[in-house]
Amino acid sequence: MLVLETVLRIRREYAGGKAIRAIARDLHVSRKVIRKAVRAPEGTFDYQRKVQPLPRIGPFQERLNTLLEENELRGRRDRLRMTRIHDLLVRVGFEGSYDAVRRYATRWKIERRKDAGDGVTAFIPLMFRPGEAYQFDWSHEDVEIAGAPMRVS
């Protein structure tokens, strides 16, 4: 993604008469991006996808949701990695890539957190009455007792 400074530099150089190919070569940006930056209205040069198409995951979305829910209920050590979940989907006929499954799982997790917590975080104050909690520092010290050097734990 281009930052605004780069877009402005592209527009300045193009207005100065420099060729699109030369700008692309100097800034290490494709000519297609240079044309977009030049043709875009002032200050607007971004792309936001409205709907994420899921052509490969679509038929397997229900199975993937089930696998992700089951995986979240498991203990931390017993959880499946995304590569294993992808392998399980491939066994039932999924032809999509691992990255598609990983991206879907990331979005699924974010949506689940939004739905579950509504942004509320928990805070548990740790207050103890005297004598309920202890802290120990274990160390060895060299001391001199009655004129004799000793190591004390």
N, C-alpha and C. Protein backbone atom coordinates (compact mmCIF):
# COMPACT_ATOMS: atom_id res chain seq x y z
N MET A 1 0.84 -1.18 0.00
CA MET A 1 0.00 0.00 0.00
C MET A 1 0.88 1.24 0.00
N LEU A 2 0.50 2.21 -0.78
CA LEU A 2 1.28 3.43 -0.88
C LEU A 2 0.92 4.40 0.24
N VAL A 3 1.92 5.08 0.72
CA VAL A 3 1.66 6.15 1.67
C VAL A 3 1.43 7.43 0.90
N LEU A 4 0.82 8.39 1.55
CA LEU A 4 0.43 9.63 0.86
C LEU A 4 1.64 10.36 0.29
N GLU A 5 2.78 10.30 0.97
CA GLU A 5 3.97 10.99 0.48
C GLU A 5 4.40 10.43 -0.87
N THR A 6 4.30 9.10 -1.03
CA THR A 6 4.68 8.49 -2.29
C THR A 6 3.72 8.89 -3.41
N VAL A 7 2.43 8.93 -3.09
CA VAL A 7 1.44 9.34 -4.09
C VAL A 7 1.72 10.77 -4.53
N LEU A 8 1.99 11.65 -3.58
CA LEU A 8 2.28 13.04 -3.91
C LEU A 8 3.55 13.16 -4.75
N ARG A 9 4.55 12.35 -4.43
CA ARG A 9 5.79 12.39 -5.21
C ARG A 9 5.54 11.92 -6.63
N ILE A 10 4.72 10.87 -6.79
CA ILE A 10 4.38 10.37 -8.12
C ILE A 10 3.69 11.47 -8.92
N ARG A 11 2.74 12.14 -8.30
CA ARG A 11 1.98 13.20 -9.00
C ARG A 11 2.89 14.37 -9.37
N ARG A 12 3.81 14.74 -8.47
CA ARG A 12 4.73 15.84 -8.75
C ARG A 12 5.62 15.51 -9.94
N GLU A 13 6.18 14.29 -9.92
CA GLU A 13 7.08 13.91 -11.01
C GLU A 13 6.34 13.79 -12.33
N TYR A 14 5.11 13.29 -12.29
CA TYR A 14 4.33 13.17 -13.52
C TYR A 14 3.96 14.55 -14.07
N ALA A 15 3.59 15.45 -13.16
CA ALA A 15 3.26 16.81 -13.59
C ALA A 15 4.50 17.52 -14.15
N GLY A 16 5.68 17.14 -13.67
CA GLY A 16 6.93 17.73 -14.15
C GLY A 16 7.35 17.19 -15.51
N GLY A 17 6.60 16.25 -16.07
CA GLY A 17 6.90 15.76 -17.40
C GLY A 17 7.65 14.43 -17.43
N LYS A 18 7.86 13.81 -16.29
CA LYS A 18 8.59 12.55 -16.26
C LYS A 18 7.66 11.42 -16.73
N ALA A 19 8.19 10.46 -17.45
CA ALA A 19 7.41 9.35 -17.99
C ALA A 19 7.02 8.37 -16.89
N ILE A 20 5.89 7.70 -17.11
CA ILE A 20 5.40 6.73 -16.13
C ILE A 20 6.40 5.61 -15.92
N ARG A 21 7.01 5.16 -16.99
CA ARG A 21 7.99 4.08 -16.89
C ARG A 21 9.20 4.51 -16.05
N ALA A 22 9.65 5.73 -16.22
CA ALA A 22 10.79 6.23 -15.44
C ALA A 22 10.43 6.36 -13.96
N ILE A 23 9.22 6.85 -13.68
CA ILE A 23 8.78 6.96 -12.27
C ILE A 23 8.71 5.58 -11.64
N ALA A 24 8.16 4.62 -12.37
CA ALA A 24 8.04 3.25 -11.86
C ALA A 24 9.42 2.67 -11.57
N ARG A 25 10.37 2.92 -12.46
CA ARG A 25 11.72 2.40 -12.28
C ARG A 25 12.41 3.04 -11.07
N ASP A 26 12.23 4.35 -10.89
CA ASP A 26 12.89 5.05 -9.79
C ASP A 26 12.31 4.69 -8.43
N LEU A 27 10.98 4.53 -8.36
CA LEU A 27 10.32 4.29 -7.07
C LEU A 27 10.06 2.81 -6.79
N HIS A 28 10.42 1.94 -7.74
CA HIS A 28 10.19 0.50 -7.60
C HIS A 28 8.72 0.19 -7.35
N VAL A 29 7.86 0.80 -8.17
CA VAL A 29 6.42 0.61 -8.10
C VAL A 29 5.96 0.26 -9.51
N SER A 30 4.90 -0.55 -9.63
CA SER A 30 4.44 -0.94 -10.95
C SER A 30 3.81 0.24 -11.70
N ARG A 31 3.81 0.14 -13.02
CA ARG A 31 3.23 1.21 -13.84
C ARG A 31 1.73 1.32 -13.61
N LYS A 32 1.10 0.21 -13.32
CA LYS A 32 -0.34 0.21 -13.05
C LYS A 32 -0.64 1.07 -11.81
N VAL A 33 0.17 0.94 -10.79
CA VAL A 33 -0.02 1.73 -9.57
C VAL A 33 0.25 3.21 -9.85
N ILE A 34 1.25 3.49 -10.68
CA ILE A 34 1.55 4.88 -11.04
C ILE A 34 0.34 5.50 -11.74
N ARG A 35 -0.25 4.77 -12.69
CA ARG A 35 -1.43 5.30 -13.39
C ARG A 35 -2.59 5.54 -12.42
N LYS A 36 -2.80 4.61 -11.49
CA LYS A 36 -3.87 4.80 -10.50
C LYS A 36 -3.64 6.06 -9.67
N ALA A 37 -2.39 6.27 -9.24
CA ALA A 37 -2.08 7.44 -8.42
C ALA A 37 -2.28 8.73 -9.20
N VAL A 38 -1.96 8.71 -10.47
CA VAL A 38 -2.10 9.91 -11.29
C VAL A 38 -3.56 10.21 -11.57
N ARG A 39 -4.35 9.18 -11.84
CA ARG A 39 -5.75 9.37 -12.23
C ARG A 39 -6.70 9.55 -11.05
N ALA A 40 -6.30 9.14 -9.86
CA ALA A 40 -7.19 9.20 -8.70
C ALA A 40 -7.46 10.65 -8.32
N PRO A 41 -8.69 10.95 -7.85
CA PRO A 41 -8.96 12.31 -7.37
C PRO A 41 -8.03 12.68 -6.21
N GLU A 42 -7.92 13.95 -5.97
CA GLU A 42 -6.99 14.46 -4.96
C GLU A 42 -7.25 13.82 -3.59
N GLY A 43 -6.22 13.20 -3.03
CA GLY A 43 -6.28 12.68 -1.67
C GLY A 43 -6.92 11.31 -1.54
N THR A 44 -7.57 10.79 -2.58
CA THR A 44 -8.19 9.47 -2.45
C THR A 44 -7.42 8.47 -3.27
N PHE A 45 -6.83 7.53 -2.61
CA PHE A 45 -6.10 6.47 -3.28
C PHE A 45 -6.08 5.27 -2.36
N ASP A 46 -7.25 4.68 -2.13
CA ASP A 46 -7.28 3.46 -1.35
C ASP A 46 -8.37 2.54 -1.90
N TYR A 47 -8.32 1.30 -1.48
CA TYR A 47 -9.25 0.30 -1.94
C TYR A 47 -9.73 -0.47 -0.74
N GLN A 48 -11.02 -0.50 -0.54
CA GLN A 48 -11.61 -1.27 0.54
C GLN A 48 -12.55 -2.30 -0.07
N ARG A 49 -12.32 -3.56 0.20
CA ARG A 49 -13.17 -4.61 -0.32
C ARG A 49 -14.45 -4.64 0.51
N LYS A 50 -15.59 -4.60 -0.17
CA LYS A 50 -16.89 -4.60 0.52
C LYS A 50 -17.27 -6.01 0.97
N VAL A 51 -17.15 -6.97 0.06
CA VAL A 51 -17.53 -8.35 0.33
C VAL A 51 -16.35 -9.25 0.01
N GLN A 52 -16.02 -10.14 0.92
CA GLN A 52 -14.94 -11.09 0.69
C GLN A 52 -15.52 -12.34 0.04
N PRO A 53 -15.22 -12.60 -1.23
CA PRO A 53 -15.74 -13.82 -1.85
C PRO A 53 -14.99 -15.04 -1.31
N LEU A 54 -15.72 -16.09 -1.09
CA LEU A 54 -15.12 -17.33 -0.59
C LEU A 54 -15.46 -18.47 -1.56
N PRO A 55 -14.92 -18.46 -2.77
CA PRO A 55 -15.32 -19.46 -3.75
C PRO A 55 -14.94 -20.88 -3.38
N ARG A 56 -13.80 -21.07 -2.75
CA ARG A 56 -13.36 -22.43 -2.40
C ARG A 56 -13.89 -22.85 -1.04
N ILE A 57 -13.90 -21.92 -0.08
CA ILE A 57 -14.32 -22.26 1.28
C ILE A 57 -15.83 -22.37 1.38
N GLY A 58 -16.56 -21.65 0.55
CA GLY A 58 -18.02 -21.60 0.62
C GLY A 58 -18.71 -22.91 0.94
N PRO A 59 -18.53 -23.98 0.11
CA PRO A 59 -19.21 -25.25 0.40
C PRO A 59 -18.73 -25.92 1.69
N PHE A 60 -17.54 -25.59 2.15
CA PHE A 60 -16.96 -26.24 3.34
C PHE A 60 -17.00 -25.34 4.57
N GLN A 61 -17.68 -24.21 4.45
CA GLN A 61 -17.69 -23.22 5.54
C GLN A 61 -18.31 -23.79 6.81
N GLU A 62 -19.39 -24.53 6.68
CA GLU A 62 -20.04 -25.11 7.86
C GLU A 62 -19.11 -26.10 8.57
N ARG A 63 -18.45 -26.95 7.79
CA ARG A 63 -17.51 -27.92 8.36
C ARG A 63 -16.33 -27.21 9.03
N LEU A 64 -15.84 -26.16 8.39
CA LEU A 64 -14.72 -25.40 8.95
C LEU A 64 -15.13 -24.72 10.25
N ASN A 65 -16.33 -24.15 10.29
CA ASN A 65 -16.82 -23.54 11.53
C ASN A 65 -16.91 -24.57 12.64
N THR A 66 -17.39 -25.77 12.31
CA THR A 66 -17.49 -26.84 13.32
C THR A 66 -16.11 -27.21 13.83
N LEU A 67 -15.15 -27.37 12.92
CA LEU A 67 -13.78 -27.72 13.33
C LEU A 67 -13.18 -26.64 14.22
N LEU A 68 -13.40 -25.37 13.87
CA LEU A 68 -12.84 -24.27 14.67
C LEU A 68 -13.48 -24.20 16.05
N GLU A 69 -14.80 -24.44 16.13
CA GLU A 69 -15.46 -24.43 17.44
C GLU A 69 -14.97 -25.58 18.31
N GLU A 70 -14.87 -26.78 17.73
CA GLU A 70 -14.35 -27.93 18.48
C GLU A 70 -12.93 -27.68 18.94
N ASN A 71 -12.15 -27.08 18.08
CA ASN A 71 -10.75 -26.81 18.41
C ASN A 71 -10.64 -25.82 19.56
N GLU A 72 -11.52 -24.84 19.60
CA GLU A 72 -11.45 -23.84 20.67
C GLU A 72 -11.86 -24.43 22.01
N LEU A 73 -12.71 -25.46 22.00
CA LEU A 73 -13.14 -26.09 23.25
C LEU A 73 -12.08 -27.02 23.83
N ARG A 74 -11.14 -27.44 23.03
CA ARG A 74 -10.07 -28.34 23.49
C ARG A 74 -9.10 -27.60 24.40
N GLY A 75 -8.36 -28.38 25.16
CA GLY A 75 -7.31 -27.80 25.99
C GLY A 75 -6.19 -27.26 25.12
N ARG A 76 -5.38 -26.42 25.69
CA ARG A 76 -4.34 -25.75 24.91
C ARG A 76 -3.39 -26.74 24.24
N ARG A 77 -3.03 -27.78 24.95
CA ARG A 77 -2.08 -28.75 24.40
C ARG A 77 -2.71 -29.64 23.34
N ASP A 78 -4.02 -29.81 23.39
CA ASP A 78 -4.70 -30.71 22.48
C ASP A 78 -5.24 -30.03 21.24
N ARG A 79 -5.09 -28.73 21.13
CA ARG A 79 -5.63 -28.01 19.97
C ARG A 79 -4.89 -28.39 18.70
N LEU A 80 -5.64 -28.38 17.61
CA LEU A 80 -5.07 -28.68 16.30
C LEU A 80 -4.47 -27.43 15.69
N ARG A 81 -3.40 -27.61 14.96
CA ARG A 81 -2.82 -26.49 14.23
C ARG A 81 -3.63 -26.27 12.96
N MET A 82 -3.48 -25.10 12.36
CA MET A 82 -4.24 -24.79 11.15
C MET A 82 -3.88 -25.74 10.01
N THR A 83 -2.63 -26.21 9.97
CA THR A 83 -2.25 -27.15 8.91
C THR A 83 -3.04 -28.45 9.05
N ARG A 84 -3.27 -28.89 10.28
CA ARG A 84 -4.05 -30.12 10.51
C ARG A 84 -5.52 -29.91 10.14
N ILE A 85 -6.06 -28.75 10.47
CA ILE A 85 -7.45 -28.45 10.10
C ILE A 85 -7.58 -28.41 8.57
N HIS A 86 -6.59 -27.83 7.89
CA HIS A 86 -6.58 -27.81 6.43
C HIS A 86 -6.54 -29.24 5.89
N ASP A 87 -5.72 -30.09 6.48
CA ASP A 87 -5.64 -31.49 6.04
C ASP A 87 -6.98 -32.21 6.21
N LEU A 88 -7.68 -31.95 7.31
CA LEU A 88 -8.99 -32.57 7.53
C LEU A 88 -10.00 -32.11 6.48
N LEU A 89 -9.92 -30.84 6.08
CA LEU A 89 -10.81 -30.35 5.03
C LEU A 89 -10.47 -30.96 3.68
N VAL A 90 -9.17 -31.13 3.41
CA VAL A 90 -8.74 -31.72 2.14
C VAL A 90 -9.26 -33.15 2.03
N ARG A 91 -9.33 -33.87 3.15
CA ARG A 91 -9.82 -35.25 3.14
C ARG A 91 -11.29 -35.35 2.71
N VAL A 92 -12.06 -34.29 2.96
CA VAL A 92 -13.48 -34.32 2.57
C VAL A 92 -13.72 -33.61 1.23
N GLY A 93 -12.63 -33.27 0.52
CA GLY A 93 -12.79 -32.75 -0.84
C GLY A 93 -12.44 -31.29 -1.04
N PHE A 94 -11.96 -30.60 -0.02
CA PHE A 94 -11.60 -29.19 -0.14
C PHE A 94 -10.38 -29.06 -1.04
N GLU A 95 -10.42 -28.13 -2.00
CA GLU A 95 -9.32 -27.94 -2.93
C GLU A 95 -8.61 -26.60 -2.76
N GLY A 96 -9.00 -25.85 -1.75
CA GLY A 96 -8.41 -24.53 -1.54
C GLY A 96 -7.07 -24.60 -0.85
N SER A 97 -6.46 -23.44 -0.67
CA SER A 97 -5.12 -23.38 -0.10
C SER A 97 -5.16 -23.29 1.43
N TYR A 98 -4.02 -23.55 2.02
CA TYR A 98 -3.86 -23.42 3.46
C TYR A 98 -4.06 -21.97 3.89
N ASP A 99 -3.54 -21.02 3.10
CA ASP A 99 -3.65 -19.60 3.45
C ASP A 99 -5.11 -19.15 3.53
N ALA A 100 -5.96 -19.68 2.66
CA ALA A 100 -7.37 -19.32 2.70
C ALA A 100 -8.00 -19.77 4.02
N VAL A 101 -7.64 -20.97 4.47
CA VAL A 101 -8.16 -21.50 5.73
C VAL A 101 -7.64 -20.66 6.89
N ARG A 102 -6.35 -20.33 6.85
CA ARG A 102 -5.76 -19.54 7.93
C ARG A 102 -6.39 -18.16 8.02
N ARG A 103 -6.58 -17.49 6.87
CA ARG A 103 -7.22 -16.17 6.88
C ARG A 103 -8.65 -16.24 7.38
N TYR A 104 -9.39 -17.28 6.95
CA TYR A 104 -10.77 -17.43 7.41
C TYR A 104 -10.80 -17.65 8.92
N ALA A 105 -9.90 -18.48 9.44
CA ALA A 105 -9.86 -18.75 10.87
C ALA A 105 -9.53 -17.50 11.66
N THR A 106 -8.65 -16.66 11.14
CA THR A 106 -8.30 -15.41 11.82
C THR A 106 -9.51 -14.49 11.89
N ARG A 107 -10.22 -14.34 10.76
CA ARG A 107 -11.44 -13.51 10.77
C ARG A 107 -12.50 -14.10 11.69
N TRP A 108 -12.64 -15.42 11.68
CA TRP A 108 -13.61 -16.10 12.52
C TRP A 108 -13.34 -15.83 14.00
N LYS A 109 -12.05 -15.89 14.36
CA LYS A 109 -11.67 -15.66 15.76
C LYS A 109 -11.95 -14.22 16.18
N ILE A 110 -11.65 -13.26 15.30
CA ILE A 110 -11.90 -11.85 15.61
C ILE A 110 -13.39 -11.59 15.77
N GLU A 111 -14.19 -12.15 14.86
CA GLU A 111 -15.64 -11.97 14.96
C GLU A 111 -16.19 -12.59 16.23
N ARG A 112 -15.67 -13.73 16.60
CA ARG A 112 -16.13 -14.42 17.81
C ARG A 112 -15.80 -13.60 19.05
N ARG A 113 -14.63 -12.98 19.07
CA ARG A 113 -14.26 -12.13 20.21
C ARG A 113 -15.16 -10.91 20.29
N LYS A 114 -15.48 -10.32 19.12
CA LYS A 114 -16.38 -9.16 19.11
C LYS A 114 -17.74 -9.52 19.66
N ASP A 115 -18.27 -10.68 19.24
CA ASP A 115 -19.59 -11.11 19.67
C ASP A 115 -19.62 -11.47 21.15
N ALA A 116 -18.54 -12.10 21.63
CA ALA A 116 -18.54 -12.60 23.00
C ALA A 116 -18.35 -11.50 24.03
N GLY A 117 -17.41 -10.61 23.81
CA GLY A 117 -17.05 -9.68 24.86
C GLY A 117 -17.56 -8.27 24.70
N ASP A 118 -17.91 -7.87 23.51
CA ASP A 118 -18.31 -6.49 23.25
C ASP A 118 -17.27 -5.49 23.73
N GLY A 119 -16.00 -5.90 23.71
CA GLY A 119 -14.92 -4.99 24.05
C GLY A 119 -14.70 -4.81 25.54
N VAL A 120 -15.38 -5.59 26.39
CA VAL A 120 -15.24 -5.45 27.83
C VAL A 120 -14.07 -6.32 28.28
N THR A 121 -13.19 -5.74 29.05
CA THR A 121 -12.08 -6.51 29.59
C THR A 121 -12.30 -6.73 31.07
N ALA A 122 -11.80 -7.82 31.58
CA ALA A 122 -11.98 -8.15 33.00
C ALA A 122 -10.78 -7.66 33.78
N PHE A 123 -11.05 -7.26 35.01
CA PHE A 123 -9.98 -6.83 35.91
C PHE A 123 -10.24 -7.44 37.27
N ILE A 124 -9.27 -8.20 37.75
CA ILE A 124 -9.40 -8.81 39.07
C ILE A 124 -8.32 -8.21 39.96
N PRO A 125 -8.72 -7.40 40.95
CA PRO A 125 -7.72 -6.80 41.81
C PRO A 125 -7.11 -7.86 42.73
N LEU A 126 -5.81 -7.78 42.91
CA LEU A 126 -5.12 -8.71 43.78
C LEU A 126 -4.80 -8.01 45.10
N MET A 127 -5.67 -8.23 46.07
CA MET A 127 -5.46 -7.65 47.40
C MET A 127 -5.49 -8.78 48.41
N PHE A 128 -4.52 -8.78 49.29
CA PHE A 128 -4.42 -9.83 50.29
C PHE A 128 -4.36 -9.20 51.68
N ARG A 129 -4.96 -9.91 52.62
CA ARG A 129 -4.82 -9.47 54.01
C ARG A 129 -3.44 -9.88 54.49
N PRO A 130 -2.91 -9.21 55.49
CA PRO A 130 -1.58 -9.58 56.00
C PRO A 130 -1.54 -11.05 56.41
N GLY A 131 -0.51 -11.76 55.93
CA GLY A 131 -0.34 -13.16 56.28
C GLY A 131 -0.94 -14.13 55.28
N GLU A 132 -1.73 -13.66 54.28
CA GLU A 132 -2.33 -14.56 53.30
C GLU A 132 -1.39 -14.89 52.15
N ALA A 133 -0.52 -13.99 51.77
CA ALA A 133 0.37 -14.21 50.64
C ALA A 133 1.80 -13.92 51.07
N TYR A 134 2.72 -14.70 50.54
CA TYR A 134 4.12 -14.55 50.91
C TYR A 134 4.98 -14.43 49.65
N GLN A 135 6.11 -13.80 49.81
CA GLN A 135 7.06 -13.73 48.71
C GLN A 135 8.43 -14.05 49.28
N PHE A 136 9.14 -14.97 48.62
CA PHE A 136 10.44 -15.38 49.10
C PHE A 136 11.48 -15.10 48.02
N ASP A 137 12.64 -14.68 48.43
CA ASP A 137 13.77 -14.53 47.54
C ASP A 137 14.83 -15.52 47.98
N TRP A 138 15.06 -16.53 47.19
CA TRP A 138 16.04 -17.54 47.52
C TRP A 138 17.38 -17.12 46.96
N SER A 139 18.36 -17.04 47.84
CA SER A 139 19.70 -16.67 47.39
C SER A 139 20.74 -17.21 48.36
N HIS A 140 21.98 -17.09 47.98
CA HIS A 140 23.11 -17.48 48.83
C HIS A 140 23.92 -16.23 49.11
N GLU A 141 24.23 -16.00 50.36
CA GLU A 141 25.02 -14.84 50.75
C GLU A 141 26.25 -15.28 51.52
N ASP A 142 27.34 -14.58 51.30
CA ASP A 142 28.57 -14.84 52.05
C ASP A 142 28.61 -13.86 53.22
N VAL A 143 28.63 -14.40 54.44
CA VAL A 143 28.62 -13.57 55.64
C VAL A 143 29.76 -14.03 56.57
N GLU A 144 30.00 -13.21 57.56
CA GLU A 144 31.02 -13.56 58.56
C GLU A 144 30.32 -13.63 59.91
N ILE A 145 30.33 -14.81 60.48
CA ILE A 145 29.70 -15.03 61.79
C ILE A 145 30.79 -15.47 62.77
N ALA A 146 30.93 -14.70 63.85
CA ALA A 146 31.93 -14.96 64.89
C ALA A 146 33.32 -15.08 64.29
N GLY A 147 33.60 -14.25 63.28
CA GLY A 147 34.91 -14.21 62.68
C GLY A 147 35.16 -15.27 61.64
N ALA A 148 34.22 -16.16 61.40
CA ALA A 148 34.39 -17.22 60.41
C ALA A 148 33.50 -16.94 59.18
N PRO A 149 34.10 -16.93 57.98
CA PRO A 149 33.27 -16.71 56.79
C PRO A 149 32.39 -17.93 56.51
N MET A 150 31.11 -17.66 56.18
CA MET A 150 30.16 -18.74 55.91
C MET A 150 29.27 -18.34 54.72
N ARG A 151 28.75 -19.34 54.05
CA ARG A 151 27.75 -19.11 53.00
C ARG A 151 26.38 -19.47 53.60
N VAL A 152 25.46 -18.52 53.56
CA VAL A 152 24.14 -18.71 54.17
C VAL A 152 23.10 -18.72 53.05
N SER A 153 22.15 -19.65 53.17
CA SER A 153 21.07 -19.73 52.19
C SER A 153 19.92 -18.85 52.67
